[in-house]
Every structure is written in structure tokens, then in C-alpha cells.
Amino acid sequence: MKRHWQLYFVVLIPMLYVIIFKYVPMYGALIAFKDYHVVQGILGSPWAGLKHFEYFFNSPNFWPIFNNTLGISLYALAVGFPVPIALALALNEVRQGAFKRLVQMVTYAPYFISTVIMVSIVLLFLDPHVGIVNMLIQALGYQPINFMGTAGFFKTIYVLSDVWQNAGYAAIIYIAALAGINTDLYEAARVDGASRFQKMLHVDLPGIMPVAVVMLILSVGGIMNVGFEKIYLMQNQLNVVSSEVIATYVYKEGLLGANFSFSAAVGLFNSVINVILLVTVNQVARRYSENSLW
């Protein structure tokens, strides 16, 4: 350690960050089991046991909120997970350098747009009066549709706009994995007379499978963490039936309603579900494949 103290110092910085901002705040999870009062503090507030958890589970809002959170997350995973893989495979087959760079720039760019601007773009596109989508619908002879005011459209709008914003950037890691595949495998496939599709199926996909499994495990581990900012910005009184999720519920109850203990209990429940899913999927991946997080 004396000889390489510079390296240990470099490692110390991210370790301190994780400890200070990830582990120390876990102390605040105690308020989920207390009737927290700001004046009395965390330790001085009286214990409440599982009262706040029981109140949430028995609440009429529990199942609608839980179903919305899980439904949006599974929908986003089912659509959003394979799209970056398909995009990476397609870009890997493009031989024209200028066109490839153009596609990469166009698909990467939405990721760097802030959530507020992205939601504003979506709202303008889908506006029932001046939105380009409804203009096309009217041009075809149909009546305009209030997409953001119809609860049934919310999940699809959220998922597709999320894919539009994140698919290009998410494809980078798969493109990097494809670049690391041994070129001898392509030569062998070419000698065997494999077509482009067959090379993708038998060389590219197995080559990126370890990365894909890890990304899938991480995605399932955060399946209950639906993006608060985007949903809250897209939410209104007409679509709240489909758009109210645990994150927005915690914000409204905890910060706006000043019910900190109850919101902490709901957030802790959400985190426990994520941990259970992460461990379960990791065990399944380790049993049925050679890849896992641990």
C-alpha cells in the first residue's frame, strides 16, 4: 500500500462517494417504521412498526398503482430491450461509413435532450389541434384524437418515446461487444457459405449474449423504478388512472402531503421488490447460462 498509495487514493474517491451518498442515507429508511416528526428527528420519533406498510397494502390505491408500475415497466422492457440489440446488429452490417455515422448521430442525439424538452416535443406532436400526428390523421379523413387525454394510450406513448430517446445510446454497448468478436469466426462462416442473416444469428448474437444477459439482469433489477420525471410531466387528470405509479405516488404523499414516514415505507417496499427480482433473475441466468452478475 505504501508503494502504490496513489492507486489506493484514486480508488478511495469513488468508495467515499458510494459510502456517503448510497450507504449513509440508508439510515433514513428508519422513518418507514416510525411516526416521523421533523422536530423530534429520526431517533426521537416514536416507533410505528409496520403501520405504514399495512396502510399502503390495505389502501384502495395499492393494486392500481402497483399494476401501473409493473405494467409500464414490463412493457418498456419487452419493447425497449431488444430494440438496441437490433439497432446494433443493423449498424454492424452497414458498410457505407458516411451513412453509418449519420444513423448513429440521429439515433444517439435524442438521449442528450433533457426530459422536459423531450416531453414537450411529445406533447406538441400529439396535440389534438396543431400536432403533426393529428394533422396526418385528419388528412386521412378521421377525427383528431386526444392521445394524452386518453388513459389507454399513456403506456404506449411512454414506452415508444422512451425507446426513441434511449435506444441509440443503449446500442453503444452492443456495438462495442460486436467489435470485440473474433474476426476468424466471420471468416469461417463465410467459408461455410453463411448469409448475412446466418452470420448475425450464429456469430453476432452468441458474441453479444454475455453482455445482453447482464443488461437484462440489470433491467429487471430496476423494473419497479419507472422514471418519475417523465411520467410526472406527462401525467394529467385525464390519464392519471394509467399513469399513477409508485414514484409519483411517493412524491405526492411524501413531499406534497408531508407524510414522510408513509412515503418512505412505500419507497422501501419498491426497493425490496427490485432486490428480490434482481437476485431471482441472476440465479435463473446463472442456472441456465454461463453469465450472471455474481
C-alpha atoms as a PDB file:
ATOM      1  CA  MET A   1       0.000   0.000   0.000  1.00  0.00           C
ATOM      2  CA  LYS A   2       2.892   2.389   0.681  1.00  0.00           C
ATOM      3  CA  ARG A   3       4.389   1.678  -2.705  1.00  0.00           C
ATOM      4  CA  HIS A   4       1.127   2.192  -4.636  1.00  0.00           C
ATOM      5  CA  TRP A   5      -0.624   4.700  -2.390  1.00  0.00           C
ATOM      6  CA  GLN A   6      -1.603   6.807  -5.426  1.00  0.00           C
ATOM      7  CA  LEU A   7      -3.745   3.972  -6.806  1.00  0.00           C
ATOM      8  CA  TYR A   8      -5.427   3.394  -3.457  1.00  0.00           C
ATOM      9  CA  PHE A   9      -6.161   7.119  -3.235  1.00  0.00           C
ATOM     10  CA  VAL A  10      -7.834   7.026  -6.664  1.00  0.00           C
ATOM     11  CA  VAL A  11      -9.967   4.061  -5.542  1.00  0.00           C
ATOM     12  CA  LEU A  12     -10.796   5.850  -2.281  1.00  0.00           C
ATOM     13  CA  ILE A  13     -12.640   8.682  -4.067  1.00  0.00           C
ATOM     14  CA  PRO A  14     -15.427   6.549  -5.636  1.00  0.00           C
ATOM     15  CA  MET A  15     -15.598   4.440  -2.464  1.00  0.00           C
ATOM     16  CA  LEU A  16     -16.249   7.571  -0.392  1.00  0.00           C
ATOM     17  CA  TYR A  17     -18.888   8.646  -2.893  1.00  0.00           C
ATOM     18  CA  VAL A  18     -20.706   5.313  -2.600  1.00  0.00           C
ATOM     19  CA  ILE A  19     -20.478   5.276   1.195  1.00  0.00           C
ATOM     20  CA  ILE A  20     -21.599   8.890   1.682  1.00  0.00           C
ATOM     21  CA  PHE A  21     -24.367   9.025  -0.916  1.00  0.00           C
ATOM     22  CA  LYS A  22     -25.533   5.375  -1.009  1.00  0.00           C
ATOM     23  CA  TYR A  23     -24.946   3.744   2.380  1.00  0.00           C
ATOM     24  CA  VAL A  24     -25.266   6.647   4.833  1.00  0.00           C
ATOM     25  CA  PRO A  25     -28.751   7.616   3.505  1.00  0.00           C
ATOM     26  CA  MET A  26     -29.945   4.079   4.351  1.00  0.00           C
ATOM     27  CA  TYR A  27     -30.083   5.327   7.932  1.00  0.00           C
ATOM     28  CA  GLY A  28     -33.060   7.437   6.860  1.00  0.00           C
ATOM     29  CA  ALA A  29     -35.020   4.284   5.976  1.00  0.00           C
ATOM     30  CA  LEU A  30     -35.808   4.047   9.692  1.00  0.00           C
ATOM     31  CA  ILE A  31     -38.573   6.618   9.281  1.00  0.00           C
ATOM     32  CA  ALA A  32     -40.568   3.982   7.367  1.00  0.00           C
ATOM     33  CA  PHE A  33     -41.005   2.232  10.731  1.00  0.00           C
ATOM     34  CA  LYS A  34     -41.659   5.393  12.748  1.00  0.00           C
ATOM     35  CA  ASP A  35     -44.192   8.187  13.062  1.00  0.00           C
ATOM     36  CA  TYR A  36     -41.625  10.698  11.944  1.00  0.00           C
ATOM     37  CA  HIS A  37     -41.735  14.265  13.184  1.00  0.00           C
ATOM     38  CA  VAL A  38     -39.251  16.829  11.907  1.00  0.00           C
ATOM     39  CA  VAL A  39     -38.787  18.432  15.316  1.00  0.00           C
ATOM     40  CA  GLN A  40     -38.152  15.115  17.115  1.00  0.00           C
ATOM     41  CA  GLY A  41     -35.821  13.787  14.423  1.00  0.00           C
ATOM     42  CA  ILE A  42     -35.358  10.216  13.260  1.00  0.00           C
ATOM     43  CA  LEU A  43     -34.212   8.741  16.584  1.00  0.00           C
ATOM     44  CA  GLY A  44     -36.605  10.802  18.683  1.00  0.00           C
ATOM     45  CA  SER A  45     -39.741   9.931  16.709  1.00  0.00           C
ATOM     46  CA  PRO A  46     -41.909   7.127  18.138  1.00  0.00           C
ATOM     47  CA  TRP A  47     -41.833   3.664  16.599  1.00  0.00           C
ATOM     48  CA  ALA A  48     -44.803   2.714  14.433  1.00  0.00           C
ATOM     49  CA  GLY A  49     -43.785  -0.800  13.406  1.00  0.00           C
ATOM     50  CA  LEU A  50     -45.375  -1.900  10.144  1.00  0.00           C
ATOM     51  CA  LYS A  51     -48.300   0.528  10.387  1.00  0.00           C
ATOM     52  CA  HIS A  52     -47.399   2.476   7.263  1.00  0.00           C
ATOM     53  CA  PHE A  53     -46.834  -0.682   5.222  1.00  0.00           C
ATOM     54  CA  GLU A  54     -50.191  -2.094   6.322  1.00  0.00           C
ATOM     55  CA  TYR A  55     -51.899   1.188   5.456  1.00  0.00           C
ATOM     56  CA  PHE A  56     -50.399   1.109   1.964  1.00  0.00           C
ATOM     57  CA  PHE A  57     -51.238  -2.561   1.346  1.00  0.00           C
ATOM     58  CA  ASN A  58     -54.821  -2.049   2.523  1.00  0.00           C
ATOM     59  CA  SER A  59     -55.239   1.175   0.589  1.00  0.00           C
ATOM     60  CA  PRO A  60     -57.546   1.086  -2.450  1.00  0.00           C
ATOM     61  CA  ASN A  61     -54.715   2.735  -4.386  1.00  0.00           C
ATOM     62  CA  PHE A  62     -52.276  -0.136  -3.835  1.00  0.00           C
ATOM     63  CA  TRP A  63     -53.242  -2.514  -6.626  1.00  0.00           C
ATOM     64  CA  PRO A  64     -53.892   0.148  -9.321  1.00  0.00           C
ATOM     65  CA  ILE A  65     -50.537   1.827  -8.573  1.00  0.00           C
ATOM     66  CA  PHE A  66     -48.673  -1.493  -8.363  1.00  0.00           C
ATOM     67  CA  ASN A  67     -50.240  -2.740 -11.602  1.00  0.00           C
ATOM     68  CA  ASN A  68     -49.445   0.519 -13.398  1.00  0.00           C
ATOM     69  CA  THR A  69     -45.831   0.443 -12.229  1.00  0.00           C
ATOM     70  CA  LEU A  70     -45.320  -3.205 -13.136  1.00  0.00           C
ATOM     71  CA  GLY A  71     -47.268  -2.912 -16.396  1.00  0.00           C
ATOM     72  CA  ILE A  72     -45.313   0.090 -17.689  1.00  0.00           C
ATOM     73  CA  SER A  73     -42.004  -1.480 -16.632  1.00  0.00           C
ATOM     74  CA  LEU A  74     -42.688  -4.836 -18.313  1.00  0.00           C
ATOM     75  CA  TYR A  75     -43.979  -3.086 -21.425  1.00  0.00           C
ATOM     76  CA  ALA A  76     -40.841  -0.923 -21.557  1.00  0.00           C
ATOM     77  CA  LEU A  77     -38.617  -3.970 -21.018  1.00  0.00           C
ATOM     78  CA  ALA A  78     -40.362  -6.055 -23.684  1.00  0.00           C
ATOM     79  CA  VAL A  79     -40.117  -3.293 -26.294  1.00  0.00           C
ATOM     80  CA  GLY A  80     -37.044  -1.365 -25.195  1.00  0.00           C
ATOM     81  CA  PHE A  81     -34.651  -4.243 -24.519  1.00  0.00           C
ATOM     82  CA  PRO A  82     -34.488  -5.879 -27.991  1.00  0.00           C
ATOM     83  CA  VAL A  83     -34.525  -2.609 -29.982  1.00  0.00           C
ATOM     84  CA  PRO A  84     -30.917  -1.554 -29.095  1.00  0.00           C
ATOM     85  CA  ILE A  85     -29.726  -5.067 -29.928  1.00  0.00           C
ATOM     86  CA  ALA A  86     -31.455  -4.979 -33.324  1.00  0.00           C
ATOM     87  CA  LEU A  87     -30.092  -1.474 -33.978  1.00  0.00           C
ATOM     88  CA  ALA A  88     -26.548  -2.548 -33.089  1.00  0.00           C
ATOM     89  CA  LEU A  89     -26.771  -5.611 -35.355  1.00  0.00           C
ATOM     90  CA  ALA A  90     -28.105  -3.491 -38.202  1.00  0.00           C
ATOM     91  CA  LEU A  91     -25.398  -0.837 -37.816  1.00  0.00           C
ATOM     92  CA  ASN A  92     -22.751  -3.558 -37.683  1.00  0.00           C
ATOM     93  CA  GLU A  93     -23.827  -4.680 -41.148  1.00  0.00           C
ATOM     94  CA  VAL A  94     -23.689  -1.205 -42.689  1.00  0.00           C
ATOM     95  CA  ARG A  95     -20.605  -0.834 -44.880  1.00  0.00           C
ATOM     96  CA  GLN A  96     -21.141   2.769 -46.016  1.00  0.00           C
ATOM     97  CA  GLY A  97     -19.246   4.831 -43.453  1.00  0.00           C
ATOM     98  CA  ALA A  98     -20.992   8.180 -44.045  1.00  0.00           C
ATOM     99  CA  PHE A  99     -24.465   6.657 -43.811  1.00  0.00           C
ATOM    100  CA  LYS A 100     -23.491   4.701 -40.700  1.00  0.00           C
ATOM    101  CA  ARG A 101     -22.235   7.845 -38.946  1.00  0.00           C
ATOM    102  CA  LEU A 102     -25.409   9.695 -39.930  1.00  0.00           C
ATOM    103  CA  VAL A 103     -27.639   6.974 -38.483  1.00  0.00           C
ATOM    104  CA  GLN A 104     -25.574   6.855 -35.304  1.00  0.00           C
ATOM    105  CA  MET A 105     -25.813  10.618 -34.857  1.00  0.00           C
ATOM    106  CA  VAL A 106     -29.568  10.660 -35.470  1.00  0.00           C
ATOM    107  CA  THR A 107     -30.232   7.780 -33.062  1.00  0.00           C
ATOM    108  CA  TYR A 108     -27.838   8.996 -30.340  1.00  0.00           C
ATOM    109  CA  ALA A 109     -28.992  12.628 -30.349  1.00  0.00           C
ATOM    110  CA  PRO A 110     -32.349  12.186 -28.520  1.00  0.00           C
ATOM    111  CA  TYR A 111     -30.540  10.757 -25.480  1.00  0.00           C
ATOM    112  CA  PHE A 112     -28.872  14.112 -24.839  1.00  0.00           C
ATOM    113  CA  ILE A 113     -32.165  16.018 -24.891  1.00  0.00           C
ATOM    114  CA  SER A 114     -33.473  16.794 -21.410  1.00  0.00           C
ATOM    115  CA  THR A 115     -36.592  15.010 -20.191  1.00  0.00           C
ATOM    116  CA  VAL A 116     -38.540  18.279 -20.042  1.00  0.00           C
ATOM    117  CA  ILE A 117     -37.798  19.098 -23.688  1.00  0.00           C
ATOM    118  CA  MET A 118     -38.470  15.513 -24.775  1.00  0.00           C
ATOM    119  CA  VAL A 119     -41.898  15.522 -23.111  1.00  0.00           C
ATOM    120  CA  SER A 120     -42.632  18.928 -24.659  1.00  0.00           C
ATOM    121  CA  ILE A 121     -41.813  17.518 -28.103  1.00  0.00           C
ATOM    122  CA  VAL A 122     -44.112  14.537 -27.497  1.00  0.00           C
ATOM    123  CA  LEU A 123     -46.944  16.797 -26.306  1.00  0.00           C
ATOM    124  CA  LEU A 124     -46.571  19.045 -29.367  1.00  0.00           C
ATOM    125  CA  PHE A 125     -46.508  16.093 -31.757  1.00  0.00           C
ATOM    126  CA  LEU A 126     -49.660  14.624 -30.196  1.00  0.00           C
ATOM    127  CA  ASP A 127     -51.571  17.875 -29.669  1.00  0.00           C
ATOM    128  CA  PRO A 128     -55.201  17.346 -30.802  1.00  0.00           C
ATOM    129  CA  HIS A 129     -55.282  20.718 -32.617  1.00  0.00           C
ATOM    130  CA  VAL A 130     -51.825  21.541 -34.019  1.00  0.00           C
ATOM    131  CA  GLY A 131     -49.935  18.259 -33.545  1.00  0.00           C
ATOM    132  CA  ILE A 132     -48.399  16.723 -36.655  1.00  0.00           C
ATOM    133  CA  VAL A 133     -49.803  13.275 -35.801  1.00  0.00           C
ATOM    134  CA  ASN A 134     -53.380  14.545 -35.650  1.00  0.00           C
ATOM    135  CA  MET A 135     -52.846  16.584 -38.814  1.00  0.00           C
ATOM    136  CA  LEU A 136     -51.964  13.341 -40.599  1.00  0.00           C
ATOM    137  CA  ILE A 137     -55.000  11.632 -39.059  1.00  0.00           C
ATOM    138  CA  GLN A 138     -57.279  14.452 -40.263  1.00  0.00           C
ATOM    139  CA  ALA A 139     -55.658  14.363 -43.700  1.00  0.00           C
ATOM    140  CA  LEU A 140     -56.718  10.715 -43.912  1.00  0.00           C
ATOM    141  CA  GLY A 141     -60.305  11.731 -43.161  1.00  0.00           C
ATOM    142  CA  TYR A 142     -60.518  10.762 -39.485  1.00  0.00           C
ATOM    143  CA  GLN A 143     -61.293  12.788 -36.379  1.00  0.00           C
ATOM    144  CA  PRO A 144     -58.387  14.044 -34.233  1.00  0.00           C
ATOM    145  CA  ILE A 145     -57.534  12.016 -31.142  1.00  0.00           C
ATOM    146  CA  ASN A 146     -56.660  13.433 -27.740  1.00  0.00           C
ATOM    147  CA  PHE A 147     -53.810  10.988 -27.106  1.00  0.00           C
ATOM    148  CA  MET A 148     -52.627  12.495 -23.818  1.00  0.00           C
ATOM    149  CA  GLY A 149     -56.185  12.746 -22.549  1.00  0.00           C
ATOM    150  CA  THR A 150     -56.929   9.058 -23.151  1.00  0.00           C
ATOM    151  CA  ALA A 151     -55.724   6.739 -20.385  1.00  0.00           C
ATOM    152  CA  GLY A 152     -55.424   3.763 -22.719  1.00  0.00           C
ATOM    153  CA  PHE A 153     -52.736   5.439 -24.829  1.00  0.00           C
ATOM    154  CA  PHE A 154     -50.471   6.514 -21.974  1.00  0.00           C
ATOM    155  CA  LYS A 155     -48.359   3.344 -21.595  1.00  0.00           C
ATOM    156  CA  THR A 156     -47.716   3.077 -25.339  1.00  0.00           C
ATOM    157  CA  ILE A 157     -46.785   6.749 -25.649  1.00  0.00           C
ATOM    158  CA  TYR A 158     -44.437   6.491 -22.672  1.00  0.00           C
ATOM    159  CA  VAL A 159     -42.715   3.321 -23.908  1.00  0.00           C
ATOM    160  CA  LEU A 160     -42.319   4.368 -27.552  1.00  0.00           C
ATOM    161  CA  SER A 161     -40.999   7.815 -26.642  1.00  0.00           C
ATOM    162  CA  ASP A 162     -38.591   6.142 -24.196  1.00  0.00           C
ATOM    163  CA  VAL A 163     -37.340   3.830 -26.951  1.00  0.00           C
ATOM    164  CA  TRP A 164     -36.918   6.814 -29.266  1.00  0.00           C
ATOM    165  CA  GLN A 165     -34.862   8.655 -26.667  1.00  0.00           C
ATOM    166  CA  ASN A 166     -32.687   5.828 -25.320  1.00  0.00           C
ATOM    167  CA  ALA A 167     -32.361   3.085 -27.959  1.00  0.00           C
ATOM    168  CA  GLY A 168     -29.490   4.696 -29.864  1.00  0.00           C
ATOM    169  CA  TYR A 169     -27.392   5.344 -26.788  1.00  0.00           C
ATOM    170  CA  ALA A 170     -28.149   1.888 -25.346  1.00  0.00           C
ATOM    171  CA  ALA A 171     -26.932   0.310 -28.585  1.00  0.00           C
ATOM    172  CA  ILE A 172     -23.395   1.623 -27.987  1.00  0.00           C
ATOM    173  CA  ILE A 173     -22.531  -1.145 -25.529  1.00  0.00           C
ATOM    174  CA  TYR A 174     -23.704  -3.815 -28.001  1.00  0.00           C
ATOM    175  CA  ILE A 175     -21.743  -2.197 -30.828  1.00  0.00           C
ATOM    176  CA  ALA A 176     -18.663  -2.334 -28.606  1.00  0.00           C
ATOM    177  CA  ALA A 177     -19.348  -6.011 -27.883  1.00  0.00           C
ATOM    178  CA  LEU A 178     -19.697  -6.733 -31.609  1.00  0.00           C
ATOM    179  CA  ALA A 179     -16.365  -5.031 -32.255  1.00  0.00           C
ATOM    180  CA  GLY A 180     -14.725  -7.500 -29.868  1.00  0.00           C
ATOM    181  CA  ILE A 181     -15.886 -10.633 -31.696  1.00  0.00           C
ATOM    182  CA  ASN A 182     -13.053 -12.665 -33.201  1.00  0.00           C
ATOM    183  CA  THR A 183     -12.892 -11.985 -36.957  1.00  0.00           C
ATOM    184  CA  ASP A 184     -11.883 -15.605 -37.558  1.00  0.00           C
ATOM    185  CA  LEU A 185     -15.485 -16.579 -36.799  1.00  0.00           C
ATOM    186  CA  TYR A 186     -16.714 -14.418 -39.673  1.00  0.00           C
ATOM    187  CA  GLU A 187     -14.127 -15.941 -41.997  1.00  0.00           C
ATOM    188  CA  ALA A 188     -15.226 -19.438 -41.008  1.00  0.00           C
ATOM    189  CA  ALA A 189     -18.872 -18.512 -41.550  1.00  0.00           C
ATOM    190  CA  ARG A 190     -18.050 -17.052 -44.966  1.00  0.00           C
ATOM    191  CA  VAL A 191     -16.189 -20.237 -45.942  1.00  0.00           C
ATOM    192  CA  ASP A 192     -19.210 -22.290 -44.873  1.00  0.00           C
ATOM    193  CA  GLY A 193     -21.405 -20.180 -47.158  1.00  0.00           C
ATOM    194  CA  ALA A 194     -23.356 -18.414 -44.412  1.00  0.00           C
ATOM    195  CA  SER A 195     -25.538 -15.485 -45.438  1.00  0.00           C
ATOM    196  CA  ARG A 196     -25.526 -12.151 -43.584  1.00  0.00           C
ATOM    197  CA  PHE A 197     -28.564 -13.175 -41.594  1.00  0.00           C
ATOM    198  CA  GLN A 198     -26.982 -16.503 -40.681  1.00  0.00           C
ATOM    199  CA  LYS A 199     -23.807 -14.725 -39.531  1.00  0.00           C
ATOM    200  CA  MET A 200     -25.885 -12.465 -37.314  1.00  0.00           C
ATOM    201  CA  LEU A 201     -27.754 -15.467 -35.947  1.00  0.00           C
ATOM    202  CA  HIS A 202     -24.775 -17.751 -35.324  1.00  0.00           C
ATOM    203  CA  VAL A 203     -21.868 -15.330 -34.768  1.00  0.00           C
ATOM    204  CA  ASP A 204     -23.112 -11.900 -33.709  1.00  0.00           C
ATOM    205  CA  LEU A 205     -25.882 -12.924 -31.317  1.00  0.00           C
ATOM    206  CA  PRO A 206     -23.794 -15.511 -29.407  1.00  0.00           C
ATOM    207  CA  GLY A 207     -20.967 -12.965 -29.273  1.00  0.00           C
ATOM    208  CA  ILE A 208     -23.066 -10.308 -27.539  1.00  0.00           C
ATOM    209  CA  MET A 209     -25.113 -12.732 -25.445  1.00  0.00           C
ATOM    210  CA  PRO A 210     -22.989 -12.317 -22.262  1.00  0.00           C
ATOM    211  CA  VAL A 211     -23.462  -8.547 -22.404  1.00  0.00           C
ATOM    212  CA  ALA A 212     -27.166  -8.926 -23.205  1.00  0.00           C
ATOM    213  CA  VAL A 213     -27.727 -11.226 -20.211  1.00  0.00           C
ATOM    214  CA  VAL A 214     -26.032  -8.788 -17.831  1.00  0.00           C
ATOM    215  CA  MET A 215     -28.045  -5.874 -19.240  1.00  0.00           C
ATOM    216  CA  LEU A 216     -31.246  -7.899 -18.902  1.00  0.00           C
ATOM    217  CA  ILE A 217     -30.487  -8.700 -15.262  1.00  0.00           C
ATOM    218  CA  LEU A 218     -29.827  -5.029 -14.512  1.00  0.00           C
ATOM    219  CA  SER A 219     -33.003  -4.003 -16.336  1.00  0.00           C
ATOM    220  CA  VAL A 220     -35.144  -6.489 -14.420  1.00  0.00           C
ATOM    221  CA  GLY A 221     -33.456  -5.424 -11.163  1.00  0.00           C
ATOM    222  CA  GLY A 222     -34.738  -1.890 -11.716  1.00  0.00           C
ATOM    223  CA  ILE A 223     -38.065  -2.896 -13.179  1.00  0.00           C
ATOM    224  CA  MET A 224     -40.069  -1.052 -10.500  1.00  0.00           C
ATOM    225  CA  ASN A 225     -38.068   2.159 -10.924  1.00  0.00           C
ATOM    226  CA  VAL A 226     -40.192   3.775 -13.593  1.00  0.00           C
ATOM    227  CA  GLY A 227     -38.814   7.226 -14.442  1.00  0.00           C
ATOM    228  CA  PHE A 228     -40.510   9.726 -12.141  1.00  0.00           C
ATOM    229  CA  GLU A 229     -39.721  12.923 -14.065  1.00  0.00           C
ATOM    230  CA  LYS A 230     -41.078  11.815 -17.419  1.00  0.00           C
ATOM    231  CA  ILE A 231     -44.256  10.248 -16.058  1.00  0.00           C
ATOM    232  CA  TYR A 232     -44.960  13.223 -13.814  1.00  0.00           C
ATOM    233  CA  LEU A 233     -44.550  15.633 -16.747  1.00  0.00           C
ATOM    234  CA  MET A 234     -46.811  13.530 -18.994  1.00  0.00           C
ATOM    235  CA  GLN A 235     -49.414  12.977 -16.293  1.00  0.00           C
ATOM    236  CA  ASN A 236     -52.729  14.835 -16.188  1.00  0.00           C
ATOM    237  CA  GLN A 237     -56.139  14.349 -14.627  1.00  0.00           C
ATOM    238  CA  LEU A 238     -57.461  12.516 -17.682  1.00  0.00           C
ATOM    239  CA  ASN A 239     -54.750   9.825 -17.839  1.00  0.00           C
ATOM    240  CA  VAL A 240     -53.892   9.559 -14.125  1.00  0.00           C
ATOM    241  CA  VAL A 241     -55.716   6.215 -13.958  1.00  0.00           C
ATOM    242  CA  SER A 242     -52.987   4.687 -16.122  1.00  0.00           C
ATOM    243  CA  SER A 243     -50.085   6.977 -15.244  1.00  0.00           C
ATOM    244  CA  GLU A 244     -50.046   6.946 -11.441  1.00  0.00           C
ATOM    245  CA  VAL A 245     -47.035   4.856 -10.399  1.00  0.00           C
ATOM    246  CA  ILE A 246     -45.193   4.293  -7.128  1.00  0.00           C
ATOM    247  CA  ALA A 247     -42.662   7.079  -7.823  1.00  0.00           C
ATOM    248  CA  THR A 248     -45.315   9.754  -8.422  1.00  0.00           C
ATOM    249  CA  TYR A 249     -47.397   8.449  -5.523  1.00  0.00           C
ATOM    250  CA  VAL A 250     -44.434   8.738  -3.152  1.00  0.00           C
ATOM    251  CA  TYR A 251     -43.776  12.292  -4.354  1.00  0.00           C
ATOM    252  CA  LYS A 252     -47.369  13.381  -3.842  1.00  0.00           C
ATOM    253  CA  GLU A 253     -47.782  11.690  -0.474  1.00  0.00           C
ATOM    254  CA  GLY A 254     -44.303  12.383   0.890  1.00  0.00           C
ATOM    255  CA  LEU A 255     -43.322  15.824  -0.346  1.00  0.00           C
ATOM    256  CA  LEU A 256     -46.612  17.461  -1.235  1.00  0.00           C
ATOM    257  CA  GLY A 257     -48.546  15.781   1.578  1.00  0.00           C
ATOM    258  CA  ALA A 258     -45.665  15.935   4.094  1.00  0.00           C
ATOM    259  CA  ASN A 259     -46.320  12.301   5.044  1.00  0.00           C
ATOM    260  CA  PHE A 260     -42.657  11.320   5.147  1.00  0.00           C
ATOM    261  CA  SER A 261     -42.986   8.026   7.025  1.00  0.00           C
ATOM    262  CA  PHE A 262     -45.661   6.679   4.707  1.00  0.00           C
ATOM    263  CA  SER A 263     -43.772   7.680   1.564  1.00  0.00           C
ATOM    264  CA  ALA A 264     -40.568   6.128   2.968  1.00  0.00           C
ATOM    265  CA  ALA A 265     -42.456   2.871   3.587  1.00  0.00           C
ATOM    266  CA  VAL A 266     -43.767   2.850   0.005  1.00  0.00           C
ATOM    267  CA  GLY A 267     -40.289   3.604  -1.377  1.00  0.00           C
ATOM    268  CA  LEU A 268     -38.718   0.887   0.773  1.00  0.00           C
ATOM    269  CA  PHE A 269     -41.300  -1.623  -0.434  1.00  0.00           C
ATOM    270  CA  ASN A 270     -40.431  -0.669  -4.013  1.00  0.00           C
ATOM    271  CA  SER A 271     -36.709  -1.183  -3.356  1.00  0.00           C
ATOM    272  CA  VAL A 272     -37.268  -4.583  -1.718  1.00  0.00           C
ATOM    273  CA  ILE A 273     -39.225  -5.772  -4.765  1.00  0.00           C
ATOM    274  CA  ASN A 274     -36.345  -4.658  -7.011  1.00  0.00           C
ATOM    275  CA  VAL A 275     -33.790  -6.522  -4.901  1.00  0.00           C
ATOM    276  CA  ILE A 276     -35.878  -9.707  -4.946  1.00  0.00           C
ATOM    277  CA  LEU A 277     -36.262  -9.511  -8.728  1.00  0.00           C
ATOM    278  CA  LEU A 278     -32.535  -8.827  -9.194  1.00  0.00           C
ATOM    279  CA  VAL A 279     -31.475 -11.822  -7.092  1.00  0.00           C
ATOM    280  CA  THR A 280     -34.076 -14.107  -8.712  1.00  0.00           C
ATOM    281  CA  VAL A 281     -33.175 -13.222 -12.293  1.00  0.00           C
ATOM    282  CA  ASN A 282     -29.465 -13.506 -11.519  1.00  0.00           C
ATOM    283  CA  GLN A 283     -29.980 -17.019 -10.125  1.00  0.00           C
ATOM    284  CA  VAL A 284     -32.038 -18.030 -13.169  1.00  0.00           C
ATOM    285  CA  ALA A 285     -29.389 -16.621 -15.539  1.00  0.00           C
ATOM    286  CA  ARG A 286     -26.627 -18.426 -13.698  1.00  0.00           C
ATOM    287  CA  ARG A 287     -28.532 -21.707 -13.816  1.00  0.00           C
ATOM    288  CA  TYR A 288     -29.467 -21.617 -17.491  1.00  0.00           C
ATOM    289  CA  SER A 289     -26.470 -19.752 -18.928  1.00  0.00           C
ATOM    290  CA  GLU A 290     -22.834 -19.114 -18.114  1.00  0.00           C
ATOM    291  CA  ASN A 291     -23.374 -15.406 -17.446  1.00  0.00           C
ATOM    292  CA  SER A 292     -24.529 -13.576 -14.320  1.00  0.00           C
ATOM    293  CA  LEU A 293     -23.667 -10.590 -12.155  1.00  0.00           C
ATOM    294  CA  TRP A 294     -22.312 -12.780  -9.342  1.00  0.00           C
END
